[in-house]
Amino acid sequence: MARVGGQSAIAGFSFQAWAIARAIVEVYQGNFDFVRAEVPPHADLSEAKIVRVAVDDYVIQHAGKHIYHQAKSSAPGGGNWTLNKLWREEILQDFVKQLEADSTSECCLESKPYPGTSNE
C-alpha cells in the first residue's frame, strides 16, 4: 500500500494537483467535455447509472467516454513504475475493478513529472 504522510505525501498531492490543473486546461481548450477531481466511491457520471469508482484521482469525459486517472508522482522507493510495483500498490487491481464497473471506460496512470514535483 501507499506510504502515508511526510514528503512523499506532499509530493504526491502536488503532482495530483498539477495533473488535474492540466486536465482543466484541456476542458477549457475544448479537448475534453469535463473533469471531476476526487471522484466519490459511487458516482453518477452520466446521470443514467451509478458507477463504482475504484480509480478516483480524477475522471475526464471525452466523446461520451469516461477516462479514469490515477496520478502518481513516483514509485515507492523512487524510480519508475514497473508492473510489479503497480501490482504491489494495487493500482492494477483498481484498474480491473474500474473496467469491470464501467466496461466502456478507460484507465490511465499519470506519472510524468510536472514542475514542482519530486520527479522534476
N, C-alpha and C. Protein backbone atom coordinates (compact mmCIF):
# COMPACT_ATOMS: atom_id res chain seq x y z
N MET A 1 0.84 -1.19 0.00
CA MET A 1 0.00 0.00 0.00
C MET A 1 0.88 1.24 0.00
N ALA A 2 0.26 2.35 -0.31
CA ALA A 2 0.98 3.62 -0.41
C ALA A 2 1.49 4.07 0.95
N ARG A 3 2.61 4.78 0.93
CA ARG A 3 3.15 5.35 2.16
C ARG A 3 2.27 6.52 2.58
N VAL A 4 2.19 6.73 3.89
CA VAL A 4 1.30 7.77 4.41
C VAL A 4 2.14 8.88 5.04
N GLY A 5 1.80 10.12 4.70
CA GLY A 5 2.39 11.29 5.35
C GLY A 5 3.76 11.67 4.83
N GLY A 6 4.28 12.78 5.38
CA GLY A 6 5.63 13.23 5.08
C GLY A 6 5.81 13.79 3.69
N GLN A 7 7.08 13.86 3.28
CA GLN A 7 7.44 14.44 1.99
C GLN A 7 6.83 13.66 0.82
N SER A 8 6.71 12.36 0.97
CA SER A 8 6.12 11.54 -0.09
C SER A 8 4.68 11.97 -0.36
N ALA A 9 3.90 12.18 0.69
CA ALA A 9 2.51 12.60 0.53
C ALA A 9 2.42 13.99 -0.08
N ILE A 10 3.29 14.90 0.37
CA ILE A 10 3.29 16.26 -0.17
C ILE A 10 3.59 16.24 -1.66
N ALA A 11 4.60 15.47 -2.06
CA ALA A 11 4.95 15.36 -3.48
C ALA A 11 3.80 14.76 -4.27
N GLY A 12 3.15 13.76 -3.71
CA GLY A 12 2.04 13.10 -4.39
C GLY A 12 0.86 14.02 -4.60
N PHE A 13 0.49 14.78 -3.56
CA PHE A 13 -0.63 15.72 -3.68
C PHE A 13 -0.31 16.84 -4.66
N SER A 14 0.94 17.30 -4.64
CA SER A 14 1.36 18.35 -5.57
C SER A 14 1.27 17.85 -7.01
N PHE A 15 1.75 16.63 -7.24
CA PHE A 15 1.69 16.05 -8.58
C PHE A 15 0.25 15.89 -9.03
N GLN A 16 -0.60 15.40 -8.14
CA GLN A 16 -2.01 15.21 -8.47
C GLN A 16 -2.66 16.54 -8.83
N ALA A 17 -2.36 17.60 -8.08
CA ALA A 17 -2.92 18.92 -8.36
C ALA A 17 -2.50 19.41 -9.75
N TRP A 18 -1.23 19.21 -10.12
CA TRP A 18 -0.76 19.61 -11.44
C TRP A 18 -1.49 18.82 -12.53
N ALA A 19 -1.68 17.54 -12.34
CA ALA A 19 -2.35 16.71 -13.33
C ALA A 19 -3.80 17.17 -13.53
N ILE A 20 -4.49 17.46 -12.43
CA ILE A 20 -5.88 17.91 -12.52
C ILE A 20 -5.95 19.29 -13.17
N ALA A 21 -5.02 20.18 -12.82
CA ALA A 21 -4.99 21.51 -13.44
C ALA A 21 -4.79 21.40 -14.95
N ARG A 22 -3.91 20.50 -15.37
CA ARG A 22 -3.70 20.30 -16.81
C ARG A 22 -4.98 19.83 -17.48
N ALA A 23 -5.71 18.92 -16.83
CA ALA A 23 -6.96 18.42 -17.39
C ALA A 23 -8.01 19.53 -17.48
N ILE A 24 -8.04 20.42 -16.49
CA ILE A 24 -8.98 21.55 -16.52
C ILE A 24 -8.67 22.46 -17.71
N VAL A 25 -7.39 22.70 -17.97
CA VAL A 25 -6.99 23.50 -19.14
C VAL A 25 -7.48 22.82 -20.42
N GLU A 26 -7.35 21.49 -20.48
CA GLU A 26 -7.81 20.75 -21.66
C GLU A 26 -9.32 20.92 -21.86
N VAL A 27 -10.09 20.97 -20.76
CA VAL A 27 -11.54 21.22 -20.87
C VAL A 27 -11.76 22.62 -21.43
N TYR A 28 -11.05 23.59 -20.89
CA TYR A 28 -11.17 24.98 -21.33
C TYR A 28 -10.85 25.10 -22.82
N GLN A 29 -9.87 24.34 -23.31
CA GLN A 29 -9.48 24.38 -24.71
C GLN A 29 -10.41 23.58 -25.61
N GLY A 30 -11.39 22.90 -25.01
CA GLY A 30 -12.35 22.14 -25.79
C GLY A 30 -11.93 20.72 -26.12
N ASN A 31 -10.84 20.25 -25.54
CA ASN A 31 -10.35 18.90 -25.82
C ASN A 31 -11.08 17.82 -25.04
N PHE A 32 -11.62 18.15 -23.85
CA PHE A 32 -12.39 17.24 -23.03
C PHE A 32 -13.73 17.90 -22.73
N ASP A 33 -14.74 17.08 -22.41
CA ASP A 33 -16.05 17.62 -22.06
C ASP A 33 -16.11 18.10 -20.62
N PHE A 34 -15.56 17.30 -19.70
CA PHE A 34 -15.50 17.73 -18.29
C PHE A 34 -14.42 16.96 -17.57
N VAL A 35 -14.05 17.48 -16.39
CA VAL A 35 -13.13 16.79 -15.49
C VAL A 35 -13.72 16.88 -14.09
N ARG A 36 -13.60 15.80 -13.35
CA ARG A 36 -14.05 15.79 -11.96
C ARG A 36 -12.94 15.20 -11.11
N ALA A 37 -12.52 15.94 -10.09
CA ALA A 37 -11.45 15.50 -9.20
C ALA A 37 -12.03 14.78 -7.99
N GLU A 38 -11.22 13.87 -7.41
CA GLU A 38 -11.62 13.16 -6.19
C GLU A 38 -13.02 12.58 -6.33
N VAL A 39 -13.19 11.69 -7.27
CA VAL A 39 -14.49 11.11 -7.58
C VAL A 39 -14.94 10.23 -6.41
N PRO A 40 -16.20 10.40 -5.95
CA PRO A 40 -16.69 9.57 -4.84
C PRO A 40 -16.73 8.08 -5.20
N PRO A 41 -16.75 7.19 -4.19
CA PRO A 41 -16.73 5.74 -4.45
C PRO A 41 -17.85 5.26 -5.37
N HIS A 42 -19.00 5.91 -5.33
CA HIS A 42 -20.10 5.59 -6.23
C HIS A 42 -20.56 6.90 -6.84
N ALA A 43 -20.33 7.08 -8.12
CA ALA A 43 -20.64 8.35 -8.77
C ALA A 43 -21.58 8.14 -9.94
N ASP A 44 -22.50 9.07 -10.12
CA ASP A 44 -23.38 9.08 -11.27
C ASP A 44 -22.78 10.06 -12.26
N LEU A 45 -21.89 9.57 -13.12
CA LEU A 45 -21.16 10.45 -14.03
C LEU A 45 -21.95 10.76 -15.30
N SER A 46 -22.87 9.91 -15.67
CA SER A 46 -23.62 10.12 -16.91
C SER A 46 -25.08 10.47 -16.64
N GLU A 47 -25.47 10.58 -15.39
CA GLU A 47 -26.84 10.82 -14.97
C GLU A 47 -27.77 9.70 -15.42
N ALA A 48 -27.20 8.56 -15.83
CA ALA A 48 -28.02 7.44 -16.25
C ALA A 48 -27.81 6.20 -15.38
N LYS A 49 -26.66 6.14 -14.69
CA LYS A 49 -26.40 4.96 -13.87
C LYS A 49 -25.37 5.30 -12.79
N ILE A 50 -25.38 4.50 -11.75
CA ILE A 50 -24.39 4.63 -10.69
C ILE A 50 -23.20 3.75 -11.08
N VAL A 51 -22.00 4.31 -11.01
CA VAL A 51 -20.79 3.58 -11.38
C VAL A 51 -19.91 3.47 -10.16
N ARG A 52 -19.44 2.25 -9.84
CA ARG A 52 -18.47 2.07 -8.76
C ARG A 52 -17.14 2.62 -9.24
N VAL A 53 -16.55 3.49 -8.43
CA VAL A 53 -15.30 4.13 -8.83
C VAL A 53 -14.16 3.60 -7.97
N ALA A 54 -13.19 2.95 -8.62
CA ALA A 54 -12.00 2.44 -7.92
C ALA A 54 -10.80 3.33 -8.21
N VAL A 55 -10.74 3.90 -9.41
CA VAL A 55 -9.65 4.79 -9.82
C VAL A 55 -10.21 6.19 -9.68
N ASP A 56 -9.83 6.88 -8.57
CA ASP A 56 -10.61 8.04 -8.16
C ASP A 56 -9.88 9.38 -8.11
N ASP A 57 -8.63 9.46 -8.59
CA ASP A 57 -7.95 10.76 -8.51
C ASP A 57 -8.71 11.80 -9.33
N TYR A 58 -8.98 11.47 -10.58
CA TYR A 58 -9.87 12.32 -11.38
C TYR A 58 -10.35 11.53 -12.59
N VAL A 59 -11.48 12.00 -13.14
CA VAL A 59 -12.05 11.38 -14.32
C VAL A 59 -12.34 12.49 -15.32
N ILE A 60 -12.06 12.21 -16.59
CA ILE A 60 -12.44 13.13 -17.64
C ILE A 60 -13.45 12.43 -18.53
N GLN A 61 -14.26 13.22 -19.18
CA GLN A 61 -15.16 12.68 -20.19
C GLN A 61 -14.75 13.27 -21.53
N HIS A 62 -14.63 12.41 -22.50
CA HIS A 62 -14.27 12.84 -23.85
C HIS A 62 -15.07 11.99 -24.83
N ALA A 63 -15.86 12.66 -25.66
CA ALA A 63 -16.67 11.98 -26.68
C ALA A 63 -17.54 10.88 -26.07
N GLY A 64 -18.11 11.17 -24.90
CA GLY A 64 -19.01 10.24 -24.24
C GLY A 64 -18.35 9.12 -23.46
N LYS A 65 -17.03 9.08 -23.44
CA LYS A 65 -16.29 8.03 -22.74
C LYS A 65 -15.65 8.60 -21.48
N HIS A 66 -15.69 7.83 -20.40
CA HIS A 66 -15.03 8.23 -19.16
C HIS A 66 -13.62 7.66 -19.13
N ILE A 67 -12.66 8.51 -18.79
CA ILE A 67 -11.27 8.08 -18.67
C ILE A 67 -10.83 8.36 -17.24
N TYR A 68 -10.65 7.30 -16.46
CA TYR A 68 -10.30 7.40 -15.05
C TYR A 68 -8.78 7.48 -14.91
N HIS A 69 -8.32 8.45 -14.13
CA HIS A 69 -6.88 8.69 -13.99
C HIS A 69 -6.41 8.45 -12.56
N GLN A 70 -5.29 7.78 -12.46
CA GLN A 70 -4.58 7.63 -11.20
C GLN A 70 -3.28 8.40 -11.38
N ALA A 71 -3.06 9.44 -10.58
CA ALA A 71 -1.86 10.27 -10.69
C ALA A 71 -0.87 9.88 -9.61
N LYS A 72 0.31 9.46 -10.02
CA LYS A 72 1.36 9.04 -9.08
C LYS A 72 2.65 9.73 -9.45
N SER A 73 3.27 10.40 -8.47
CA SER A 73 4.48 11.16 -8.78
C SER A 73 5.70 10.26 -8.95
N SER A 74 5.82 9.22 -8.16
CA SER A 74 6.94 8.29 -8.32
C SER A 74 6.59 6.98 -7.63
N ALA A 75 7.26 5.95 -8.04
CA ALA A 75 7.03 4.63 -7.45
C ALA A 75 7.65 4.56 -6.06
N PRO A 76 7.14 3.69 -5.18
CA PRO A 76 7.73 3.53 -3.85
C PRO A 76 9.22 3.25 -3.96
N GLY A 77 10.00 3.93 -3.16
CA GLY A 77 11.45 3.77 -3.22
C GLY A 77 12.08 4.57 -4.34
N GLY A 78 11.28 5.38 -5.03
CA GLY A 78 11.79 6.18 -6.14
C GLY A 78 11.81 5.37 -7.43
N GLY A 79 12.22 6.01 -8.47
CA GLY A 79 12.34 5.32 -9.75
C GLY A 79 11.04 5.22 -10.51
N ASN A 80 11.08 4.42 -11.55
CA ASN A 80 9.94 4.26 -12.44
C ASN A 80 8.95 3.23 -11.92
N TRP A 81 7.74 3.31 -12.45
CA TRP A 81 6.74 2.31 -12.14
C TRP A 81 7.00 1.08 -13.01
N THR A 82 7.02 -0.09 -12.39
CA THR A 82 7.12 -1.36 -13.10
C THR A 82 5.82 -2.11 -12.88
N LEU A 83 5.59 -3.17 -13.65
CA LEU A 83 4.38 -3.96 -13.43
C LEU A 83 4.33 -4.51 -12.01
N ASN A 84 5.47 -4.94 -11.48
CA ASN A 84 5.49 -5.47 -10.11
C ASN A 84 5.11 -4.39 -9.10
N LYS A 85 5.63 -3.17 -9.27
CA LYS A 85 5.28 -2.08 -8.35
C LYS A 85 3.81 -1.70 -8.48
N LEU A 86 3.30 -1.68 -9.70
CA LEU A 86 1.88 -1.37 -9.91
C LEU A 86 1.00 -2.43 -9.25
N TRP A 87 1.44 -3.68 -9.28
CA TRP A 87 0.68 -4.77 -8.65
C TRP A 87 0.74 -4.64 -7.13
N ARG A 88 1.96 -4.46 -6.58
CA ARG A 88 2.12 -4.35 -5.11
C ARG A 88 1.32 -3.19 -4.53
N GLU A 89 1.24 -2.08 -5.25
CA GLU A 89 0.50 -0.91 -4.76
C GLU A 89 -1.00 -0.99 -5.08
N GLU A 90 -1.43 -2.12 -5.67
CA GLU A 90 -2.82 -2.42 -6.01
C GLU A 90 -3.42 -1.47 -7.03
N ILE A 91 -2.59 -0.85 -7.84
CA ILE A 91 -3.08 0.04 -8.88
C ILE A 91 -3.69 -0.78 -10.02
N LEU A 92 -3.02 -1.86 -10.41
CA LEU A 92 -3.57 -2.70 -11.48
C LEU A 92 -4.90 -3.33 -11.06
N GLN A 93 -5.00 -3.74 -9.80
CA GLN A 93 -6.25 -4.32 -9.31
C GLN A 93 -7.38 -3.29 -9.36
N ASP A 94 -7.06 -2.03 -9.02
CA ASP A 94 -8.08 -0.97 -9.10
C ASP A 94 -8.50 -0.72 -10.54
N PHE A 95 -7.56 -0.79 -11.47
CA PHE A 95 -7.91 -0.64 -12.89
C PHE A 95 -8.88 -1.74 -13.32
N VAL A 96 -8.61 -2.97 -12.91
CA VAL A 96 -9.50 -4.08 -13.26
C VAL A 96 -10.89 -3.84 -12.67
N LYS A 97 -10.97 -3.45 -11.40
CA LYS A 97 -12.27 -3.17 -10.77
C LYS A 97 -13.01 -2.08 -11.52
N GLN A 98 -12.27 -1.04 -11.94
CA GLN A 98 -12.91 0.07 -12.64
C GLN A 98 -13.47 -0.37 -13.98
N LEU A 99 -12.70 -1.14 -14.72
CA LEU A 99 -13.16 -1.61 -16.03
C LEU A 99 -14.31 -2.59 -15.90
N GLU A 100 -14.35 -3.36 -14.81
CA GLU A 100 -15.49 -4.25 -14.58
C GLU A 100 -16.75 -3.44 -14.26
N ALA A 101 -16.60 -2.31 -13.56
CA ALA A 101 -17.75 -1.48 -13.19
C ALA A 101 -18.25 -0.65 -14.36
N ASP A 102 -17.36 -0.28 -15.27
CA ASP A 102 -17.72 0.59 -16.39
C ASP A 102 -16.93 0.10 -17.60
N SER A 103 -17.47 -0.88 -18.31
CA SER A 103 -16.71 -1.56 -19.37
C SER A 103 -16.43 -0.68 -20.57
N THR A 104 -17.09 0.45 -20.71
CA THR A 104 -16.82 1.34 -21.84
C THR A 104 -15.77 2.40 -21.51
N SER A 105 -15.25 2.35 -20.28
CA SER A 105 -14.29 3.37 -19.84
C SER A 105 -12.86 2.97 -20.17
N GLU A 106 -11.96 3.89 -19.88
CA GLU A 106 -10.52 3.63 -19.99
C GLU A 106 -9.89 4.02 -18.65
N CYS A 107 -8.72 3.45 -18.36
CA CYS A 107 -7.96 3.83 -17.17
C CYS A 107 -6.58 4.29 -17.61
N CYS A 108 -6.07 5.28 -16.89
CA CYS A 108 -4.80 5.88 -17.26
C CYS A 108 -3.96 6.12 -16.01
N LEU A 109 -2.71 5.69 -16.05
CA LEU A 109 -1.77 6.01 -14.98
C LEU A 109 -0.99 7.24 -15.41
N GLU A 110 -1.14 8.31 -14.67
CA GLU A 110 -0.46 9.57 -14.95
C GLU A 110 0.79 9.60 -14.09
N SER A 111 1.97 9.54 -14.71
CA SER A 111 3.19 9.50 -13.90
C SER A 111 4.30 10.40 -14.44
N LYS A 112 4.00 11.17 -15.43
CA LYS A 112 5.02 12.10 -15.96
C LYS A 112 5.23 13.22 -14.97
N PRO A 113 6.48 13.58 -14.67
CA PRO A 113 6.72 14.65 -13.69
C PRO A 113 6.27 16.02 -14.20
N TYR A 114 5.82 16.83 -13.26
CA TYR A 114 5.40 18.20 -13.54
C TYR A 114 6.25 19.14 -12.70
N PRO A 115 6.34 20.41 -13.08
CA PRO A 115 7.12 21.38 -12.29
C PRO A 115 6.68 21.37 -10.83
N GLY A 116 7.65 21.42 -9.93
CA GLY A 116 7.35 21.49 -8.50
C GLY A 116 7.14 20.15 -7.85
N THR A 117 7.22 19.05 -8.62
CA THR A 117 7.06 17.72 -8.02
C THR A 117 8.44 17.13 -7.76
N SER A 118 8.47 16.04 -7.03
CA SER A 118 9.74 15.45 -6.65
C SER A 118 10.48 14.81 -7.82
N ASN A 119 9.81 14.58 -8.94
CA ASN A 119 10.45 13.97 -10.11
C ASN A 119 10.94 15.00 -11.12
N GLU A 120 10.96 16.26 -10.76
CA GLU A 120 11.31 17.32 -11.69
C GLU A 120 12.65 17.11 -12.33
